[in-house]
Amino acid sequence: MAVGASGDQVLRLVVVRGLLPVVVGIGVGLVGAAALSGLLEAYLWGVTGTDAKTLGIAAVGILSVAALACWLPAREAAGVDPVATLAS
């Protein structure tokens, strides 16, 4: 913000950069779950190893928590007065 970014731009930058590894991790995890589903099915009751609903709910849950964890500090950073920060 001290070099011209608006609060919205700072918020967007922090959230996008924070969520990028999460999205990649969810993708790798879904591929890994599909690849190892045969090994896991012996330990699952009532669902298959590739149950799309269960995997989707887990992915959405992880993404929701990560989005909140990125958005809260980004909101605080966007509200900081750059003049006061540079003066201290």
PDB file of N, CA and C in Angstrom:
ATOM      1  N   MET A   1       0.824  -1.176   0.000  1.00  0.00           N
ATOM      2  CA  MET A   1       0.000   0.000   0.000  1.00  0.00           C
ATOM      3  C   MET A   1       0.874   1.247   0.000  1.00  0.00           C
ATOM      4  N   ALA A   2       2.080   1.129   0.552  1.00  0.00           N
ATOM      5  CA  ALA A   2       2.967   2.285   0.599  1.00  0.00           C
ATOM      6  C   ALA A   2       3.486   2.653  -0.783  1.00  0.00           C
ATOM      7  N   VAL A   3       3.412   1.726  -1.727  1.00  0.00           N
ATOM      8  CA  VAL A   3       3.890   2.016  -3.080  1.00  0.00           C
ATOM      9  C   VAL A   3       2.749   2.125  -4.081  1.00  0.00           C
ATOM     10  N   GLY A   4       1.520   2.302  -3.588  1.00  0.00           N
ATOM     11  CA  GLY A   4       0.422   2.604  -4.487  1.00  0.00           C
ATOM     12  C   GLY A   4      -0.665   1.563  -4.620  1.00  0.00           C
ATOM     13  N   ALA A   5      -0.552   0.422  -3.953  1.00  0.00           N
ATOM     14  CA  ALA A   5      -1.605  -0.591  -4.053  1.00  0.00           C
ATOM     15  C   ALA A   5      -2.784  -0.195  -3.180  1.00  0.00           C
ATOM     16  N   SER A   6      -3.968  -0.497  -3.639  1.00  0.00           N
ATOM     17  CA  SER A   6      -5.155  -0.225  -2.832  1.00  0.00           C
ATOM     18  C   SER A   6      -5.363  -1.370  -1.837  1.00  0.00           C
ATOM     19  N   GLY A   7      -6.235  -1.142  -0.880  1.00  0.00           N
ATOM     20  CA  GLY A   7      -6.538  -2.177   0.098  1.00  0.00           C
ATOM     21  C   GLY A   7      -7.109  -3.429  -0.543  1.00  0.00           C
ATOM     22  N   ASP A   8      -7.949  -3.248  -1.564  1.00  0.00           N
ATOM     23  CA  ASP A   8      -8.529  -4.396  -2.272  1.00  0.00           C
ATOM     24  C   ASP A   8      -7.461  -5.202  -3.000  1.00  0.00           C
ATOM     25  N   GLN A   9      -6.484  -4.515  -3.565  1.00  0.00           N
ATOM     26  CA  GLN A   9      -5.405  -5.208  -4.264  1.00  0.00           C
ATOM     27  C   GLN A   9      -4.541  -6.010  -3.293  1.00  0.00           C
ATOM     28  N   VAL A  10      -4.279  -5.451  -2.137  1.00  0.00           N
ATOM     29  CA  VAL A  10      -3.508  -6.167  -1.121  1.00  0.00           C
ATOM     30  C   VAL A  10      -4.279  -7.398  -0.652  1.00  0.00           C
ATOM     31  N   LEU A  11      -5.557  -7.232  -0.393  1.00  0.00           N
ATOM     32  CA  LEU A  11      -6.403  -8.342   0.031  1.00  0.00           C
ATOM     33  C   LEU A  11      -6.392  -9.460  -1.006  1.00  0.00           C
ATOM     34  N   ARG A  12      -6.599  -9.106  -2.255  1.00  0.00           N
ATOM     35  CA  ARG A  12      -6.625 -10.092  -3.335  1.00  0.00           C
ATOM     36  C   ARG A  12      -5.280 -10.805  -3.467  1.00  0.00           C
ATOM     37  N   LEU A  13      -4.186 -10.064  -3.385  1.00  0.00           N
ATOM     38  CA  LEU A  13      -2.853 -10.647  -3.518  1.00  0.00           C
ATOM     39  C   LEU A  13      -2.573 -11.665  -2.419  1.00  0.00           C
ATOM     40  N   VAL A  14      -2.872 -11.304  -1.180  1.00  0.00           N
ATOM     41  CA  VAL A  14      -2.598 -12.202  -0.066  1.00  0.00           C
ATOM     42  C   VAL A  14      -3.465 -13.454  -0.148  1.00  0.00           C
ATOM     43  N   VAL A  15      -4.735 -13.293  -0.461  1.00  0.00           N
ATOM     44  CA  VAL A  15      -5.633 -14.447  -0.528  1.00  0.00           C
ATOM     45  C   VAL A  15      -5.248 -15.375  -1.683  1.00  0.00           C
ATOM     46  N   VAL A  16      -4.978 -14.829  -2.843  1.00  0.00           N
ATOM     47  CA  VAL A  16      -4.623 -15.669  -4.002  1.00  0.00           C
ATOM     48  C   VAL A  16      -3.316 -16.398  -3.754  1.00  0.00           C
ATOM     49  N   ARG A  17      -2.319 -15.703  -3.242  1.00  0.00           N
ATOM     50  CA  ARG A  17      -1.031 -16.356  -2.991  1.00  0.00           C
ATOM     51  C   ARG A  17      -1.117 -17.377  -1.860  1.00  0.00           C
ATOM     52  N   GLY A  18      -2.027 -17.175  -0.934  1.00  0.00           N
ATOM     53  CA  GLY A  18      -2.208 -18.139   0.139  1.00  0.00           C
ATOM     54  C   GLY A  18      -2.985 -19.366  -0.296  1.00  0.00           C
ATOM     55  N   LEU A  19      -3.931 -19.179  -1.192  1.00  0.00           N
ATOM     56  CA  LEU A  19      -4.765 -20.303  -1.624  1.00  0.00           C
ATOM     57  C   LEU A  19      -4.147 -21.134  -2.740  1.00  0.00           C
ATOM     58  N   LEU A  20      -3.192 -20.596  -3.456  1.00  0.00           N
ATOM     59  CA  LEU A  20      -2.592 -21.347  -4.559  1.00  0.00           C
ATOM     60  C   LEU A  20      -1.990 -22.681  -4.100  1.00  0.00           C
ATOM     61  N   PRO A  21      -1.164 -22.723  -3.048  1.00  0.00           N
ATOM     62  CA  PRO A  21      -0.651 -24.030  -2.614  1.00  0.00           C
ATOM     63  C   PRO A  21      -1.747 -24.959  -2.095  1.00  0.00           C
ATOM     64  N   VAL A  22      -2.799 -24.397  -1.538  1.00  0.00           N
ATOM     65  CA  VAL A  22      -3.899 -25.218  -1.042  1.00  0.00           C
ATOM     66  C   VAL A  22      -4.616 -25.894  -2.203  1.00  0.00           C
ATOM     67  N   VAL A  23      -4.876 -25.146  -3.257  1.00  0.00           N
ATOM     68  CA  VAL A  23      -5.556 -25.721  -4.429  1.00  0.00           C
ATOM     69  C   VAL A  23      -4.692 -26.802  -5.073  1.00  0.00           C
ATOM     70  N   VAL A  24      -3.392 -26.553  -5.176  1.00  0.00           N
ATOM     71  CA  VAL A  24      -2.485 -27.565  -5.729  1.00  0.00           C
ATOM     72  C   VAL A  24      -2.482 -28.806  -4.833  1.00  0.00           C
ATOM     73  N   GLY A  25      -2.444 -28.600  -3.518  1.00  0.00           N
ATOM     74  CA  GLY A  25      -2.458 -29.725  -2.584  1.00  0.00           C
ATOM     75  C   GLY A  25      -3.740 -30.529  -2.650  1.00  0.00           C
ATOM     76  N   ILE A  26      -4.862 -29.850  -2.811  1.00  0.00           N
ATOM     77  CA  ILE A  26      -6.138 -30.567  -2.951  1.00  0.00           C
ATOM     78  C   ILE A  26      -6.124 -31.398  -4.227  1.00  0.00           C
ATOM     79  N   GLY A  27      -5.612 -30.825  -5.312  1.00  0.00           N
ATOM     80  CA  GLY A  27      -5.527 -31.578  -6.572  1.00  0.00           C
ATOM     81  C   GLY A  27      -4.653 -32.808  -6.442  1.00  0.00           C
ATOM     82  N   VAL A  28      -3.486 -32.645  -5.838  1.00  0.00           N
ATOM     83  CA  VAL A  28      -2.579 -33.785  -5.648  1.00  0.00           C
ATOM     84  C   VAL A  28      -3.223 -34.813  -4.717  1.00  0.00           C
ATOM     85  N   GLY A  29      -3.904 -34.335  -3.679  1.00  0.00           N
ATOM     86  CA  GLY A  29      -4.568 -35.245  -2.755  1.00  0.00           C
ATOM     87  C   GLY A  29      -5.687 -36.034  -3.401  1.00  0.00           C
ATOM     88  N   LEU A  30      -6.454 -35.386  -4.267  1.00  0.00           N
ATOM     89  CA  LEU A  30      -7.532 -36.105  -4.961  1.00  0.00           C
ATOM     90  C   LEU A  30      -6.985 -37.147  -5.917  1.00  0.00           C
ATOM     91  N   VAL A  31      -5.900 -36.804  -6.604  1.00  0.00           N
ATOM     92  CA  VAL A  31      -5.264 -37.781  -7.501  1.00  0.00           C
ATOM     93  C   VAL A  31      -4.702 -38.944  -6.688  1.00  0.00           C
ATOM     94  N   GLY A  32      -4.061 -38.621  -5.566  1.00  0.00           N
ATOM     95  CA  GLY A  32      -3.518 -39.673  -4.701  1.00  0.00           C
ATOM     96  C   GLY A  32      -4.614 -40.544  -4.116  1.00  0.00           C
ATOM     97  N   ALA A  33      -5.720 -39.942  -3.721  1.00  0.00           N
ATOM     98  CA  ALA A  33      -6.837 -40.713  -3.177  1.00  0.00           C
ATOM     99  C   ALA A  33      -7.409 -41.647  -4.241  1.00  0.00           C
ATOM    100  N   ALA A  34      -7.509 -41.165  -5.466  1.00  0.00           N
ATOM    101  CA  ALA A  34      -8.017 -42.024  -6.545  1.00  0.00           C
ATOM    102  C   ALA A  34      -7.047 -43.160  -6.835  1.00  0.00           C
ATOM    103  N   ALA A  35      -5.748 -42.871  -6.784  1.00  0.00           N
ATOM    104  CA  ALA A  35      -4.745 -43.900  -7.075  1.00  0.00           C
ATOM    105  C   ALA A  35      -4.679 -44.958  -5.968  1.00  0.00           C
ATOM    106  N   LEU A  36      -4.872 -44.548  -4.724  1.00  0.00           N
ATOM    107  CA  LEU A  36      -4.751 -45.475  -3.599  1.00  0.00           C
ATOM    108  C   LEU A  36      -6.092 -45.966  -3.071  1.00  0.00           C
ATOM    109  N   SER A  37      -7.150 -45.727  -3.801  1.00  0.00           N
ATOM    110  CA  SER A  37      -8.481 -46.078  -3.310  1.00  0.00           C
ATOM    111  C   SER A  37      -8.636 -47.580  -3.109  1.00  0.00           C
ATOM    112  N   GLY A  38      -7.966 -48.376  -3.907  1.00  0.00           N
ATOM    113  CA  GLY A  38      -8.060 -49.830  -3.755  1.00  0.00           C
ATOM    114  C   GLY A  38      -7.516 -50.299  -2.416  1.00  0.00           C
ATOM    115  N   LEU A  39      -6.453 -49.656  -1.947  1.00  0.00           N
ATOM    116  CA  LEU A  39      -5.870 -50.019  -0.660  1.00  0.00           C
ATOM    117  C   LEU A  39      -6.734 -49.564   0.510  1.00  0.00           C
ATOM    118  N   LEU A  40      -7.424 -48.472   0.342  1.00  0.00           N
ATOM    119  CA  LEU A  40      -8.209 -47.897   1.430  1.00  0.00           C
ATOM    120  C   LEU A  40      -9.592 -48.507   1.572  1.00  0.00           C
ATOM    121  N   GLU A  41     -10.122 -49.112   0.525  1.00  0.00           N
ATOM    122  CA  GLU A  41     -11.500 -49.603   0.554  1.00  0.00           C
ATOM    123  C   GLU A  41     -11.718 -50.674   1.617  1.00  0.00           C
ATOM    124  N   ALA A  42     -10.686 -51.380   2.018  1.00  0.00           N
ATOM    125  CA  ALA A  42     -10.837 -52.389   3.062  1.00  0.00           C
ATOM    126  C   ALA A  42     -11.143 -51.758   4.412  1.00  0.00           C
ATOM    127  N   TYR A  43     -10.770 -50.489   4.592  1.00  0.00           N
ATOM    128  CA  TYR A  43     -10.962 -49.804   5.866  1.00  0.00           C
ATOM    129  C   TYR A  43     -12.184 -48.880   5.876  1.00  0.00           C
ATOM    130  N   LEU A  44     -12.917 -48.819   4.786  1.00  0.00           N
ATOM    131  CA  LEU A  44     -14.061 -47.915   4.677  1.00  0.00           C
ATOM    132  C   LEU A  44     -15.366 -48.691   4.780  1.00  0.00           C
ATOM    133  N   TRP A  45     -16.320 -48.124   5.521  1.00  0.00           N
ATOM    134  CA  TRP A  45     -17.635 -48.736   5.640  1.00  0.00           C
ATOM    135  C   TRP A  45     -18.678 -47.762   5.113  1.00  0.00           C
ATOM    136  N   GLY A  46     -19.470 -48.194   4.181  1.00  0.00           N
ATOM    137  CA  GLY A  46     -20.571 -47.388   3.674  1.00  0.00           C
ATOM    138  C   GLY A  46     -20.221 -46.483   2.511  1.00  0.00           C
ATOM    139  N   VAL A  47     -18.962 -46.356   2.169  1.00  0.00           N
ATOM    140  CA  VAL A  47     -18.547 -45.552   1.015  1.00  0.00           C
ATOM    141  C   VAL A  47     -17.455 -46.298   0.258  1.00  0.00           C
ATOM    142  N   THR A  48     -17.285 -45.935  -0.975  1.00  0.00           N
ATOM    143  CA  THR A  48     -16.189 -46.499  -1.754  1.00  0.00           C
ATOM    144  C   THR A  48     -14.979 -45.576  -1.636  1.00  0.00           C
ATOM    145  N   GLY A  49     -13.857 -46.044  -2.088  1.00  0.00           N
ATOM    146  CA  GLY A  49     -12.648 -45.238  -2.024  1.00  0.00           C
ATOM    147  C   GLY A  49     -12.671 -44.038  -2.940  1.00  0.00           C
ATOM    148  N   THR A  50     -13.513 -44.074  -3.946  1.00  0.00           N
ATOM    149  CA  THR A  50     -13.602 -42.960  -4.900  1.00  0.00           C
ATOM    150  C   THR A  50     -14.972 -42.288  -4.849  1.00  0.00           C
ATOM    151  N   ASP A  51     -15.600 -42.275  -3.688  1.00  0.00           N
ATOM    152  CA  ASP A  51     -16.907 -41.645  -3.521  1.00  0.00           C
ATOM    153  C   ASP A  51     -16.770 -40.141  -3.763  1.00  0.00           C
ATOM    154  N   ALA A  52     -17.359 -39.673  -4.844  1.00  0.00           N
ATOM    155  CA  ALA A  52     -17.202 -38.275  -5.257  1.00  0.00           C
ATOM    156  C   ALA A  52     -17.790 -37.309  -4.231  1.00  0.00           C
ATOM    157  N   LYS A  53     -18.893 -37.674  -3.623  1.00  0.00           N
ATOM    158  CA  LYS A  53     -19.529 -36.787  -2.648  1.00  0.00           C
ATOM    159  C   LYS A  53     -18.617 -36.592  -1.429  1.00  0.00           C
ATOM    160  N   THR A  54     -18.057 -37.666  -0.922  1.00  0.00           N
ATOM    161  CA  THR A  54     -17.179 -37.581   0.247  1.00  0.00           C
ATOM    162  C   THR A  54     -15.911 -36.804  -0.078  1.00  0.00           C
ATOM    163  N   LEU A  55     -15.292 -37.093  -1.202  1.00  0.00           N
ATOM    164  CA  LEU A  55     -14.077 -36.382  -1.594  1.00  0.00           C
ATOM    165  C   LEU A  55     -14.366 -34.901  -1.851  1.00  0.00           C
ATOM    166  N   GLY A  56     -15.512 -34.614  -2.451  1.00  0.00           N
ATOM    167  CA  GLY A  56     -15.892 -33.228  -2.711  1.00  0.00           C
ATOM    168  C   GLY A  56     -16.132 -32.444  -1.432  1.00  0.00           C
ATOM    169  N   ILE A  57     -16.828 -33.059  -0.478  1.00  0.00           N
ATOM    170  CA  ILE A  57     -17.079 -32.392   0.804  1.00  0.00           C
ATOM    171  C   ILE A  57     -15.769 -32.134   1.532  1.00  0.00           C
ATOM    172  N   ALA A  58     -14.857 -33.091   1.508  1.00  0.00           N
ATOM    173  CA  ALA A  58     -13.558 -32.903   2.160  1.00  0.00           C
ATOM    174  C   ALA A  58     -12.771 -31.782   1.495  1.00  0.00           C
ATOM    175  N   ALA A  59     -12.768 -31.744   0.164  1.00  0.00           N
ATOM    176  CA  ALA A  59     -12.036 -30.702  -0.558  1.00  0.00           C
ATOM    177  C   ALA A  59     -12.630 -29.321  -0.292  1.00  0.00           C
ATOM    178  N   VAL A  60     -13.940 -29.223  -0.295  1.00  0.00           N
ATOM    179  CA  VAL A  60     -14.597 -27.938  -0.028  1.00  0.00           C
ATOM    180  C   VAL A  60     -14.339 -27.500   1.404  1.00  0.00           C
ATOM    181  N   GLY A  61     -14.348 -28.424   2.337  1.00  0.00           N
ATOM    182  CA  GLY A  61     -14.070 -28.101   3.731  1.00  0.00           C
ATOM    183  C   GLY A  61     -12.657 -27.569   3.916  1.00  0.00           C
ATOM    184  N   ILE A  62     -11.691 -28.234   3.321  1.00  0.00           N
ATOM    185  CA  ILE A  62     -10.298 -27.791   3.415  1.00  0.00           C
ATOM    186  C   ILE A  62     -10.137 -26.428   2.756  1.00  0.00           C
ATOM    187  N   LEU A  63     -10.726 -26.254   1.603  1.00  0.00           N
ATOM    188  CA  LEU A  63     -10.621 -24.972   0.900  1.00  0.00           C
ATOM    189  C   LEU A  63     -11.298 -23.844   1.688  1.00  0.00           C
ATOM    190  N   SER A  64     -12.405 -24.129   2.334  1.00  0.00           N
ATOM    191  CA  SER A  64     -13.104 -23.110   3.128  1.00  0.00           C
ATOM    192  C   SER A  64     -12.265 -22.660   4.315  1.00  0.00           C
ATOM    193  N   VAL A  65     -11.683 -23.606   5.024  1.00  0.00           N
ATOM    194  CA  VAL A  65     -10.858 -23.266   6.175  1.00  0.00           C
ATOM    195  C   VAL A  65      -9.622 -22.491   5.731  1.00  0.00           C
ATOM    196  N   ALA A  66      -9.004 -22.904   4.629  1.00  0.00           N
ATOM    197  CA  ALA A  66      -7.829 -22.208   4.120  1.00  0.00           C
ATOM    198  C   ALA A  66      -8.180 -20.797   3.652  1.00  0.00           C
ATOM    199  N   ALA A  67      -9.327 -20.636   3.022  1.00  0.00           N
ATOM    200  CA  ALA A  67      -9.745 -19.301   2.573  1.00  0.00           C
ATOM    201  C   ALA A  67      -9.955 -18.372   3.759  1.00  0.00           C
ATOM    202  N   LEU A  68     -10.557 -18.869   4.810  1.00  0.00           N
ATOM    203  CA  LEU A  68     -10.747 -18.068   6.015  1.00  0.00           C
ATOM    204  C   LEU A  68      -9.399 -17.731   6.653  1.00  0.00           C
ATOM    205  N   ALA A  69      -8.491 -18.706   6.688  1.00  0.00           N
ATOM    206  CA  ALA A  69      -7.169 -18.481   7.269  1.00  0.00           C
ATOM    207  C   ALA A  69      -6.349 -17.478   6.452  1.00  0.00           C
ATOM    208  N   CYS A  70      -6.603 -17.359   5.175  1.00  0.00           N
ATOM    209  CA  CYS A  70      -5.916 -16.365   4.342  1.00  0.00           C
ATOM    210  C   CYS A  70      -6.611 -15.009   4.409  1.00  0.00           C
ATOM    211  N   TRP A  71      -7.938 -15.020   4.453  1.00  0.00           N
ATOM    212  CA  TRP A  71      -8.691 -13.774   4.381  1.00  0.00           C
ATOM    213  C   TRP A  71      -8.577 -12.936   5.648  1.00  0.00           C
ATOM    214  N   LEU A  72      -8.575 -13.573   6.822  1.00  0.00           N
ATOM    215  CA  LEU A  72      -8.526 -12.808   8.074  1.00  0.00           C
ATOM    216  C   LEU A  72      -7.265 -11.948   8.198  1.00  0.00           C
ATOM    217  N   PRO A  73      -6.065 -12.491   8.013  1.00  0.00           N
ATOM    218  CA  PRO A  73      -4.885 -11.619   8.088  1.00  0.00           C
ATOM    219  C   PRO A  73      -4.795 -10.645   6.914  1.00  0.00           C
ATOM    220  N   ALA A  74      -5.305 -11.040   5.755  1.00  0.00           N
ATOM    221  CA  ALA A  74      -5.281 -10.139   4.604  1.00  0.00           C
ATOM    222  C   ALA A  74      -6.171  -8.929   4.852  1.00  0.00           C
ATOM    223  N   ARG A  75      -7.293  -9.144   5.509  1.00  0.00           N
ATOM    224  CA  ARG A  75      -8.192  -8.047   5.843  1.00  0.00           C
ATOM    225  C   ARG A  75      -7.511  -7.072   6.799  1.00  0.00           C
ATOM    226  N   GLU A  76      -6.768  -7.610   7.761  1.00  0.00           N
ATOM    227  CA  GLU A  76      -6.032  -6.758   8.692  1.00  0.00           C
ATOM    228  C   GLU A  76      -4.932  -5.983   7.963  1.00  0.00           C
ATOM    229  N   ALA A  77      -4.235  -6.642   7.056  1.00  0.00           N
ATOM    230  CA  ALA A  77      -3.165  -5.970   6.309  1.00  0.00           C
ATOM    231  C   ALA A  77      -3.719  -4.877   5.411  1.00  0.00           C
ATOM    232  N   ALA A  78      -4.878  -5.096   4.852  1.00  0.00           N
ATOM    233  CA  ALA A  78      -5.476  -4.096   3.968  1.00  0.00           C
ATOM    234  C   ALA A  78      -5.954  -2.871   4.739  1.00  0.00           C
ATOM    235  N   GLY A  79      -6.202  -3.015   6.039  1.00  0.00           N
ATOM    236  CA  GLY A  79      -6.687  -1.906   6.830  1.00  0.00           C
ATOM    237  C   GLY A  79      -5.595  -1.078   7.500  1.00  0.00           C
ATOM    238  N   VAL A  80      -4.339  -1.455   7.287  1.00  0.00           N
ATOM    239  CA  VAL A  80      -3.233  -0.749   7.923  1.00  0.00           C
ATOM    240  C   VAL A  80      -2.970   0.571   7.201  1.00  0.00           C
ATOM    241  N   ASP A  81      -2.726   1.619   7.971  1.00  0.00           N
ATOM    242  CA  ASP A  81      -2.389   2.904   7.399  1.00  0.00           C
ATOM    243  C   ASP A  81      -0.893   2.906   7.049  1.00  0.00           C
ATOM    244  N   PRO A  82      -0.540   2.992   5.757  1.00  0.00           N
ATOM    245  CA  PRO A  82       0.870   2.883   5.382  1.00  0.00           C
ATOM    246  C   PRO A  82       1.738   4.030   5.937  1.00  0.00           C
ATOM    247  N   VAL A  83       1.185   5.202   6.101  1.00  0.00           N
ATOM    248  CA  VAL A  83       1.966   6.335   6.625  1.00  0.00           C
ATOM    249  C   VAL A  83       2.337   6.071   8.074  1.00  0.00           C
ATOM    250  N   ALA A  84       1.405   5.591   8.857  1.00  0.00           N
ATOM    251  CA  ALA A  84       1.686   5.291  10.250  1.00  0.00           C
ATOM    252  C   ALA A  84       2.688   4.150  10.391  1.00  0.00           C
ATOM    253  N   THR A  85       2.589   3.163   9.517  1.00  0.00           N
ATOM    254  CA  THR A  85       3.503   2.031   9.551  1.00  0.00           C
ATOM    255  C   THR A  85       4.921   2.476   9.186  1.00  0.00           C
ATOM    256  N   LEU A  86       5.057   3.296   8.166  1.00  0.00           N
ATOM    257  CA  LEU A  86       6.375   3.755   7.750  1.00  0.00           C
ATOM    258  C   LEU A  86       6.984   4.705   8.765  1.00  0.00           C
ATOM    259  N   ALA A  87       6.154   5.420   9.502  1.00  0.00           N
ATOM    260  CA  ALA A  87       6.654   6.365  10.494  1.00  0.00           C
ATOM    261  C   ALA A  87       7.168   5.666  11.756  1.00  0.00           C
ATOM    262  N   SER A  88       6.683   4.461  12.004  1.00  0.00           N
ATOM    263  CA  SER A  88       7.107   3.773  13.231  1.00  0.00           C
ATOM    264  C   SER A  88       8.376   2.976  13.060  1.00  0.00           C
TER     265      SER A  88
END
